[in-house]
Amino acid sequence: MRLPTFRAAWLASLLLLSACATDHPASATASSTHATAAPAPVLLISIDGMGAGYLGRGDTPRLDALAAGGVRAQWMNPSYPAVTFPNHYTLVTGLRPDRHGIVHNSMRDPELGLFRLSDAKATGDSRWWDQATPIWVTAEQHGRRTAIWAWPGSGAPIQGVRPSQYRLFDGQIPFSTRAAEVAGWLTGPLAQRPALAALYVEDVDEQGHGFGPGSPQVRAALQQVDAVLGSLFDTLQAHGQLERTNIVIVSDHGMAQVMPGQVIAVEDMVSVEEAAIVSAGQVIGVSPNLGFEAVLDQRLPGRHDHYACWRKGELPARWHYGSNARIPPIVCQMDEGWDALPAAHAAQRRQLGQVRGSHGYDPALASMQASFIAHGPAFRPGTVLPAFDNVDVYPLLAHLLQLPPEPNQGTLATLQPGLKEPVAAP
């Protein structure tokens, strides 16, 4: 997702090692059941759009050093659709978008109406988020302080609960300022320190959209983000907190290159008379207008030039997507490197004639692979994990915080080799 387009609005707000078909019960791990000491604090960092291939190529020396001294994954599989809000909510709930209800960056609810990132009222409305319980809500409900810098959903009172401290997204605030504030949270007076702190940064995603994943602009953004995080780590080190903090660094998805002209108009897929377009870009949500249901049901499903369409309940099973009421009746998926936009925007894109980047493609593609790094007292140094699904991050967070997990679709088993201590099965 390219956040700058929506900054003002957001101020208010296939290598599957473990594809789980059923929920894991909401039972505590052995460590949480018998814990007697407070767990180490957890720092969760999201670098939006940082593909797994961005690491280890010279632009991220501090992140690479952190990974070498801790755990990294070959890559992490995003959930479908591979866009920002759905995957950020998956990471903190352990539920796939079809289950937690944030099914796209743009969506429609039968009762709530439209959700757009340009609608501050919608993004701050807890009813959009209440189909799941993010980890900071569970922590607060168990008396643990949390401090969240602009993680999607953290600006809404989910189930009536807010983080002890939180900041709404403001693209005008430099990442260095955000990181310094988070460092202050973690090194401040002991009674006010959070058990869980989270930090979000959009710079890498922003430059990837604007110039493509292989651009100098992306490399410069990576270098800057890496340097800022290095300063954050140095602050923790100076206060004796670095080796006492469990740090988990993730991304929501990768980025694919889009060549000039590889865009089609959504009006060429379906006319305004025939349907409303709930979401555009790479995952096209089509809601047929009254009287056109049968026509589109016959015409759209199947293969087309540069995209394919499915009826809601017939999408590929590996995507775990298609039952939530917020998913429109027909979903079209663009091929890698192709976008579908309203005609006026598509024309502007063609005139620009510039290589750019997009995500939201099939999560099985290498270009969509996300990053995962972990470091701290809970982690085994020098561990490289095989790829795993991003739903598995949530049970890891619950384990680190010694909290009973909510029902989720993840498993801690994929991350167990990276933990120093074995975890008893629930």
Protein backbone atom coordinates (compact mmCIF):
# COMPACT_ATOMS: atom_id res chain seq x y z
CA MET A 1 0.00 0.00 0.00
CA ARG A 2 1.27 3.45 -0.80
CA LEU A 3 0.45 5.34 2.35
CA PRO A 4 1.22 8.95 1.35
CA THR A 5 -1.96 9.05 -0.75
CA PHE A 6 -3.95 8.57 2.42
CA ARG A 7 -1.79 10.23 5.06
CA ALA A 8 -4.18 12.95 6.10
CA ALA A 9 -6.97 10.43 6.54
CA TRP A 10 -4.94 7.95 8.52
CA LEU A 11 -4.02 10.54 11.06
CA ALA A 12 -7.15 9.34 12.86
CA SER A 13 -6.55 6.07 12.81
CA LEU A 14 4.24 -21.83 -2.05
CA LEU A 15 6.12 -23.16 0.55
CA LEU A 16 3.74 -23.54 3.45
CA LEU A 17 5.30 -25.44 6.30
CA SER A 18 2.22 -25.14 8.41
CA ALA A 19 -1.04 -24.30 6.67
CA CYS A 20 -3.53 -24.70 9.51
CA ALA A 21 -7.12 -25.45 8.53
CA THR A 22 -8.52 -25.22 12.07
CA ASP A 23 -8.04 -22.89 14.99
CA HIS A 24 -5.60 -23.55 17.78
CA PRO A 25 -7.41 -23.33 21.13
CA ALA A 26 -7.10 -20.36 23.45
CA SER A 27 -5.00 -22.19 26.01
CA ALA A 28 -1.81 -20.98 27.63
CA THR A 29 1.55 -22.50 26.88
CA ALA A 30 3.42 -24.15 29.71
CA SER A 31 5.60 -21.06 30.04
CA SER A 32 2.60 -18.75 30.54
CA THR A 33 0.81 -21.13 32.90
CA HIS A 34 3.67 -21.54 35.35
CA ALA A 35 5.56 -18.28 34.90
CA THR A 36 6.57 -16.58 38.12
CA ALA A 37 8.73 -13.73 36.80
CA ALA A 38 7.71 -10.91 34.50
CA PRO A 39 8.65 -11.71 30.91
CA ALA A 40 11.16 -9.66 28.98
CA PRO A 41 9.59 -6.72 27.14
CA VAL A 42 8.74 -7.22 23.48
CA LEU A 43 9.48 -4.70 20.74
CA LEU A 44 7.54 -5.40 17.53
CA ILE A 45 8.66 -3.46 14.45
CA SER A 46 7.02 -3.44 11.02
CA ILE A 47 8.93 -2.21 7.98
CA ASP A 48 6.13 -1.97 5.43
CA GLY A 49 6.99 -3.45 2.04
CA MET A 50 10.39 -4.85 3.03
CA GLY A 51 10.64 -7.99 0.92
CA ALA A 52 12.76 -10.86 2.16
CA GLY A 53 15.19 -10.27 -0.69
CA TYR A 54 16.03 -6.77 0.56
CA LEU A 55 18.05 -8.14 3.48
CA GLY A 56 21.66 -9.23 3.33
CA ARG A 57 22.66 -7.22 0.28
CA GLY A 58 24.58 -4.41 2.00
CA ASP A 59 21.81 -1.88 2.64
CA THR A 60 20.82 -3.11 6.11
CA PRO A 61 23.97 -3.79 8.15
CA ARG A 62 22.29 -3.26 11.54
CA LEU A 63 19.35 -5.51 10.72
CA ASP A 64 21.66 -8.12 9.25
CA ALA A 65 23.81 -8.06 12.39
CA LEU A 66 20.71 -8.40 14.55
CA ALA A 67 19.61 -11.38 12.48
CA ALA A 68 23.05 -13.00 12.67
CA GLY A 69 22.91 -12.78 16.46
CA GLY A 70 19.38 -14.08 16.61
CA VAL A 71 16.84 -15.63 14.27
CA ARG A 72 15.81 -14.93 10.71
CA ALA A 73 13.47 -16.69 8.34
CA GLN A 74 14.31 -17.53 4.76
CA TRP A 75 11.09 -15.64 4.20
CA MET A 76 7.62 -15.26 5.66
CA ASN A 77 4.47 -15.92 3.64
CA PRO A 78 1.95 -13.07 3.73
CA SER A 79 -1.75 -13.83 3.98
CA TYR A 80 -4.14 -13.16 1.12
CA PRO A 81 -4.61 -10.43 0.04
CA ALA A 82 -0.97 -9.31 0.25
CA VAL A 83 -1.79 -5.73 1.21
CA THR A 84 -1.04 -3.65 4.27
CA PHE A 85 -4.00 -3.48 6.64
CA PRO A 86 -5.07 -7.14 6.35
CA ASN A 87 -1.56 -8.46 6.98
CA HIS A 88 -0.79 -6.13 9.84
CA TYR A 89 -3.93 -7.31 11.59
CA THR A 90 -3.05 -10.94 10.87
CA LEU A 91 0.37 -10.47 12.49
CA VAL A 92 -1.18 -9.33 15.78
CA THR A 93 -4.24 -11.63 15.85
CA GLY A 94 -3.04 -14.89 14.29
CA LEU A 95 -6.13 -14.92 12.09
CA ARG A 96 -6.22 -14.66 8.32
CA PRO A 97 -8.08 -11.69 6.82
CA ASP A 98 -11.11 -13.84 6.00
CA ARG A 99 -11.44 -14.49 9.75
CA HIS A 100 -10.41 -11.21 11.37
CA GLY A 101 -12.54 -9.10 9.05
CA ILE A 102 -10.01 -6.62 7.65
CA VAL A 103 -10.33 -8.22 4.23
CA HIS A 104 -8.74 -5.41 2.22
CA ASN A 105 -7.51 -1.84 2.53
CA SER A 106 -10.85 -0.94 0.92
CA MET A 107 -13.97 -2.91 1.79
CA ARG A 108 -17.71 -2.82 2.32
CA ASP A 109 -19.67 -4.13 5.28
CA PRO A 110 -23.39 -4.87 4.95
CA GLU A 111 -24.10 -2.85 8.10
CA LEU A 112 -21.20 -0.40 8.41
CA GLY A 113 -20.94 0.70 4.79
CA LEU A 114 -17.61 1.55 3.15
CA PHE A 115 -14.14 1.35 4.67
CA ARG A 116 -11.58 3.50 2.94
CA LEU A 117 -8.19 4.67 4.15
CA SER A 118 -9.36 8.14 3.17
CA ASP A 119 -12.19 7.92 5.73
CA ALA A 120 -10.88 8.75 9.20
CA LYS A 121 -14.22 7.94 10.78
CA ALA A 122 -14.14 4.40 9.40
CA THR A 123 -10.52 3.64 10.31
CA GLY A 124 -11.16 4.75 13.89
CA ASP A 125 -14.44 2.84 14.22
CA SER A 126 -13.90 -0.18 16.49
CA ARG A 127 -16.70 -2.12 14.78
CA TRP A 128 -14.45 -2.73 11.79
CA TRP A 129 -11.81 -4.33 14.04
CA ASP A 130 -13.91 -6.20 16.60
CA GLN A 131 -13.99 -9.53 14.78
CA ALA A 132 -10.60 -10.30 16.36
CA THR A 133 -8.53 -9.49 19.45
CA PRO A 134 -5.08 -8.02 18.77
CA ILE A 135 -2.25 -8.89 21.13
CA TRP A 136 -2.17 -5.43 22.74
CA VAL A 137 -5.80 -5.80 23.83
CA THR A 138 -5.07 -9.17 25.46
CA ALA A 139 -2.03 -7.66 27.16
CA GLU A 140 -4.01 -4.71 28.53
CA GLN A 141 -6.77 -7.06 29.71
CA HIS A 142 -4.12 -8.94 31.71
CA GLY A 143 -2.76 -5.79 33.30
CA ARG A 144 0.22 -5.30 30.98
CA ARG A 145 1.02 -1.88 29.59
CA THR A 146 1.35 -1.51 25.83
CA ALA A 147 2.64 1.37 23.71
CA ILE A 148 1.87 1.34 19.99
CA TRP A 149 3.14 3.71 17.30
CA ALA A 150 0.57 3.67 14.46
CA TRP A 151 0.11 -0.08 13.98
CA PRO A 152 -3.07 -0.49 11.89
CA GLY A 153 -6.01 -0.82 14.26
CA SER A 154 -4.29 0.62 17.31
CA GLY A 155 -6.14 3.93 17.04
CA ALA A 156 -9.55 2.31 17.59
CA PRO A 157 -10.91 1.18 20.98
CA ILE A 158 -11.10 -2.50 20.07
CA GLN A 159 -13.49 -4.29 22.43
CA GLY A 160 -13.41 -1.05 24.38
CA VAL A 161 -9.65 -1.30 25.01
CA ARG A 162 -6.88 1.00 23.81
CA PRO A 163 -3.13 0.70 24.33
CA SER A 164 -1.83 2.51 27.41
CA GLN A 165 0.05 4.77 25.01
CA TYR A 166 -0.54 5.11 21.28
CA ARG A 167 0.16 7.41 18.39
CA LEU A 168 -1.97 7.83 15.31
CA PHE A 169 -0.20 7.69 11.99
CA ASP A 170 1.31 10.99 10.90
CA GLY A 171 3.47 10.84 7.81
CA GLN A 172 4.90 14.25 8.64
CA ILE A 173 6.67 12.85 11.70
CA PRO A 174 10.10 11.50 10.67
CA PHE A 175 10.86 7.89 11.43
CA SER A 176 13.79 9.01 13.58
CA THR A 177 11.39 10.89 15.85
CA ARG A 178 9.05 7.92 16.08
CA ALA A 179 11.89 5.51 16.89
CA ALA A 180 13.29 7.86 19.53
CA GLU A 181 9.90 8.01 21.23
CA VAL A 182 9.61 4.24 21.26
CA ALA A 183 13.12 4.01 22.72
CA GLY A 184 11.97 6.44 25.40
CA TRP A 185 9.00 4.25 26.20
CA LEU A 186 11.26 1.23 26.70
CA THR A 187 13.90 3.03 28.79
CA GLY A 188 11.65 5.34 30.81
CA PRO A 189 10.59 4.96 34.45
CA LEU A 190 10.22 1.27 35.26
CA ALA A 191 6.58 1.53 36.30
CA GLN A 192 5.67 3.11 32.96
CA ARG A 193 7.60 0.81 30.65
CA PRO A 194 5.42 -1.22 28.30
CA ALA A 195 5.44 -5.00 28.20
CA LEU A 196 4.80 -4.62 24.48
CA ALA A 197 5.89 -1.75 22.25
CA ALA A 198 5.21 -1.62 18.53
CA LEU A 199 6.54 0.63 15.79
CA TYR A 200 5.49 1.08 12.16
CA VAL A 201 7.40 2.67 9.27
CA GLU A 202 6.19 3.16 5.70
CA ASP A 203 9.28 4.59 3.96
CA VAL A 204 10.44 1.43 2.15
CA ASP A 205 6.95 0.66 0.86
CA GLU A 206 6.49 4.26 -0.26
CA GLN A 207 9.66 4.29 -2.33
CA GLY A 208 8.94 0.82 -3.69
CA HIS A 209 5.60 1.97 -5.04
CA GLY A 210 7.03 5.12 -6.52
CA PHE A 211 10.13 3.73 -8.23
CA GLY A 212 10.08 -0.08 -8.13
CA PRO A 213 11.74 -2.62 -5.81
CA GLY A 214 15.13 -2.47 -7.53
CA SER A 215 15.41 1.31 -7.51
CA PRO A 216 18.10 3.47 -5.87
CA GLN A 217 15.28 5.15 -3.95
CA VAL A 218 14.35 1.87 -2.26
CA ARG A 219 17.97 1.19 -1.35
CA ALA A 220 18.29 4.67 0.13
CA ALA A 221 15.11 4.16 2.17
CA LEU A 222 16.43 0.82 3.45
CA GLN A 223 19.70 2.43 4.46
CA GLN A 224 17.93 5.23 6.30
CA VAL A 225 15.53 2.93 8.12
CA ASP A 226 18.40 0.63 9.07
CA ALA A 227 20.40 3.56 10.47
CA VAL A 228 17.45 4.81 12.52
CA LEU A 229 16.80 1.36 13.94
CA GLY A 230 20.50 1.13 14.71
CA SER A 231 20.18 4.29 16.80
CA LEU A 232 17.19 2.79 18.60
CA PHE A 233 19.20 -0.35 19.37
CA ASP A 234 22.10 1.80 20.57
CA THR A 235 19.78 3.62 22.97
CA LEU A 236 18.52 0.33 24.36
CA GLN A 237 22.13 -0.84 24.69
CA ALA A 238 23.16 2.30 26.54
CA HIS A 239 20.40 1.66 29.08
CA GLY A 240 21.26 -2.02 29.44
CA GLN A 241 18.02 -3.05 27.73
CA LEU A 242 19.05 -4.40 24.33
CA GLU A 243 19.90 -7.92 25.47
CA ARG A 244 16.91 -7.91 27.82
CA THR A 245 14.37 -7.10 25.11
CA ASN A 246 12.85 -9.57 22.69
CA ILE A 247 12.80 -7.77 19.34
CA VAL A 248 10.61 -9.06 16.51
CA ILE A 249 10.96 -7.35 13.12
CA VAL A 250 8.48 -8.15 10.37
CA SER A 251 7.12 -6.88 7.11
CA ASP A 252 3.63 -7.26 5.72
CA HIS A 253 4.55 -8.20 2.14
CA GLY A 254 7.17 -7.71 -0.54
CA MET A 255 7.04 -5.68 -3.74
CA ALA A 256 6.86 -6.54 -7.44
CA GLN A 257 8.09 -4.45 -10.36
CA VAL A 258 5.45 -2.91 -12.62
CA MET A 259 6.69 -1.88 -16.04
CA PRO A 260 5.35 1.25 -17.77
CA GLY A 261 1.97 0.72 -19.38
CA GLN A 262 1.12 -2.47 -17.49
CA VAL A 263 -2.19 -1.16 -16.22
CA ILE A 264 -5.78 -1.68 -17.32
CA ALA A 265 -8.91 0.33 -16.57
CA VAL A 266 -11.39 -1.34 -14.24
CA GLU A 267 -14.12 0.01 -16.52
CA ASP A 268 -12.76 -2.34 -19.19
CA MET A 269 -13.33 -5.24 -16.78
CA VAL A 270 -16.82 -4.23 -15.73
CA SER A 271 -18.88 -1.13 -16.47
CA VAL A 272 -20.12 1.36 -13.89
CA GLU A 273 -23.65 0.39 -14.88
CA GLU A 274 -22.98 -3.28 -14.13
CA ALA A 275 -21.21 -3.15 -10.77
CA ALA A 276 -19.57 -1.18 -8.00
CA ILE A 277 -15.81 -1.68 -7.61
CA VAL A 278 -15.19 -2.18 -3.88
CA SER A 279 -11.41 -2.45 -4.22
CA ALA A 280 -9.02 -1.79 -7.10
CA GLY A 281 -5.29 -2.13 -7.72
CA GLN A 282 -4.32 -5.80 -7.65
CA VAL A 283 -7.28 -7.47 -5.91
CA ILE A 284 -10.43 -6.23 -7.59
CA GLY A 285 -13.60 -6.59 -5.54
CA VAL A 286 -16.71 -6.56 -7.74
CA SER A 287 -20.20 -6.04 -6.31
CA PRO A 288 -22.78 -6.48 -9.10
CA ASN A 289 -25.55 -3.90 -9.29
CA LEU A 290 -29.16 -4.99 -9.04
CA GLY A 291 -30.18 -6.79 -12.20
CA PHE A 292 -26.63 -7.59 -13.35
CA GLU A 293 -25.85 -10.38 -10.91
CA ALA A 294 -26.47 -13.23 -13.36
CA VAL A 295 -24.70 -11.49 -16.24
CA LEU A 296 -21.50 -10.94 -14.28
CA ASP A 297 -21.70 -14.33 -12.61
CA GLN A 298 -21.48 -15.87 -16.05
CA ARG A 299 -19.04 -13.45 -17.69
CA LEU A 300 -16.37 -12.68 -15.09
CA PRO A 301 -15.30 -15.95 -13.42
CA GLY A 302 -12.37 -17.50 -15.27
CA ARG A 303 -9.22 -16.42 -17.03
CA HIS A 304 -8.86 -13.04 -18.79
CA ASP A 305 -5.92 -11.10 -20.21
CA HIS A 306 -3.66 -10.21 -17.24
CA TYR A 307 -6.12 -11.33 -14.53
CA ALA A 308 -8.45 -14.08 -13.35
CA CYS A 309 -11.78 -13.88 -11.49
CA TRP A 310 -13.63 -16.16 -9.09
CA ARG A 311 -16.98 -16.27 -7.37
CA LYS A 312 -16.57 -15.42 -3.69
CA GLY A 313 -16.79 -18.98 -2.42
CA GLU A 314 -14.60 -20.48 -5.13
CA LEU A 315 -11.24 -18.75 -4.72
CA PRO A 316 -8.18 -21.01 -4.47
CA ALA A 317 -8.30 -22.90 -1.15
CA ARG A 318 -4.69 -22.03 -0.35
CA TRP A 319 -5.72 -18.38 -0.01
CA HIS A 320 -8.11 -19.15 2.87
CA TYR A 321 -10.36 -16.39 1.58
CA GLY A 322 -13.97 -16.09 0.57
CA SER A 323 -16.37 -16.56 3.49
CA ASN A 324 -16.37 -13.20 5.27
CA ALA A 325 -19.44 -11.03 4.67
CA ARG A 326 -17.15 -8.13 3.72
CA ILE A 327 -15.73 -9.96 0.69
CA PRO A 328 -17.67 -8.97 -2.45
CA PRO A 329 -19.43 -11.58 -4.63
CA ILE A 330 -16.68 -11.63 -7.28
CA VAL A 331 -12.94 -11.23 -6.71
CA CYS A 332 -10.44 -10.70 -9.54
CA GLN A 333 -6.71 -11.16 -9.04
CA MET A 334 -4.26 -9.32 -11.27
CA ASP A 335 -1.22 -11.08 -12.67
CA GLU A 336 2.14 -10.14 -11.19
CA GLY A 337 3.27 -6.77 -12.51
CA TRP A 338 -0.18 -5.60 -13.61
CA ASP A 339 -2.57 -3.12 -11.96
CA ALA A 340 -6.23 -2.29 -12.53
CA LEU A 341 -7.27 1.30 -11.79
CA PRO A 342 -10.12 3.67 -12.61
CA ALA A 343 -9.79 4.84 -16.21
CA ALA A 344 -8.54 8.35 -15.36
CA HIS A 345 -5.82 7.00 -13.06
CA ALA A 346 -4.84 4.32 -15.56
CA ALA A 347 -4.42 6.99 -18.25
CA GLN A 348 -2.21 9.06 -15.96
CA ARG A 349 -0.12 6.02 -15.19
CA ARG A 350 0.43 5.31 -18.89
CA GLN A 351 1.42 8.92 -19.53
CA LEU A 352 3.91 8.85 -16.68
CA GLY A 353 5.73 5.95 -18.30
CA GLN A 354 7.77 5.08 -15.23
CA VAL A 355 8.76 1.79 -13.65
CA ARG A 356 7.03 1.47 -10.29
CA GLY A 357 6.11 -1.21 -7.77
CA SER A 358 2.97 -2.93 -6.51
CA HIS A 359 1.98 -5.70 -4.13
CA GLY A 360 -1.29 -7.50 -3.54
CA TYR A 361 -0.38 -10.34 -5.91
CA ASP A 362 -0.52 -14.06 -5.18
CA PRO A 363 1.27 -14.57 -1.83
CA ALA A 364 3.04 -17.61 -3.27
CA LEU A 365 5.12 -15.38 -5.55
CA ALA A 366 8.73 -14.72 -4.56
CA SER A 367 8.15 -10.99 -4.98
CA MET A 368 5.54 -11.05 -2.20
CA GLN A 369 7.76 -12.79 0.38
CA ALA A 370 7.93 -10.85 3.65
CA SER A 371 10.80 -10.54 6.15
CA PHE A 372 11.16 -11.90 9.69
CA ILE A 373 13.96 -11.25 12.19
CA ALA A 374 13.98 -11.92 15.94
CA HIS A 375 16.59 -11.23 18.59
CA GLY A 376 16.70 -11.29 22.35
CA PRO A 377 16.89 -13.49 25.44
CA ALA A 378 14.23 -15.91 24.15
CA PHE A 379 15.92 -16.60 20.83
CA ARG A 380 18.64 -19.01 19.76
CA PRO A 381 21.49 -17.08 18.06
CA GLY A 382 22.40 -17.89 14.49
CA THR A 383 19.15 -19.68 13.61
CA VAL A 384 17.77 -19.62 10.07
CA LEU A 385 14.17 -20.82 9.89
CA PRO A 386 12.47 -22.27 6.82
CA ALA A 387 9.62 -20.18 5.45
CA PHE A 388 6.43 -20.01 7.52
CA ASP A 389 3.04 -18.29 7.37
CA ASN A 390 2.62 -14.92 9.05
CA VAL A 391 -0.25 -16.23 11.22
CA ASP A 392 2.50 -17.91 13.27
CA VAL A 393 3.82 -14.58 14.56
CA TYR A 394 0.85 -14.12 16.90
CA PRO A 395 1.39 -17.30 18.96
CA LEU A 396 5.05 -16.31 19.20
CA LEU A 397 4.11 -12.91 20.62
CA ALA A 398 1.70 -14.50 23.10
CA HIS A 399 4.43 -16.92 24.18
CA LEU A 400 7.01 -14.16 24.63
CA LEU A 401 4.57 -12.10 26.70
CA GLN A 402 3.39 -15.15 28.67
CA LEU A 403 -0.20 -14.43 27.72
CA PRO A 404 -2.93 -16.97 26.93
CA PRO A 405 -3.49 -16.71 23.17
CA GLU A 406 -6.90 -16.10 21.70
CA PRO A 407 -8.14 -18.75 19.24
CA ASN A 408 -5.94 -18.38 16.18
CA GLN A 409 -4.85 -20.05 12.95
CA GLY A 410 -1.13 -20.03 13.68
CA THR A 411 1.26 -22.44 15.35
CA LEU A 412 4.36 -21.92 17.45
CA ALA A 413 5.85 -25.14 16.10
CA THR A 414 7.38 -23.45 13.05
CA LEU A 415 9.28 -21.01 15.27
CA GLN A 416 10.20 -23.48 18.00
CA PRO A 417 13.69 -24.19 16.51
CA GLY A 418 14.53 -20.51 17.01
CA LEU A 419 13.63 -20.49 20.72
CA LYS A 420 16.16 -21.30 23.42
CA GLU A 421 13.67 -23.11 25.61
CA PRO A 422 11.29 -25.83 24.43
CA VAL A 423 7.62 -25.01 24.54
CA ALA A 424 5.21 -27.61 25.86
CA ALA A 425 2.26 -28.40 23.61
CA PRO A 426 -0.99 -26.81 24.84
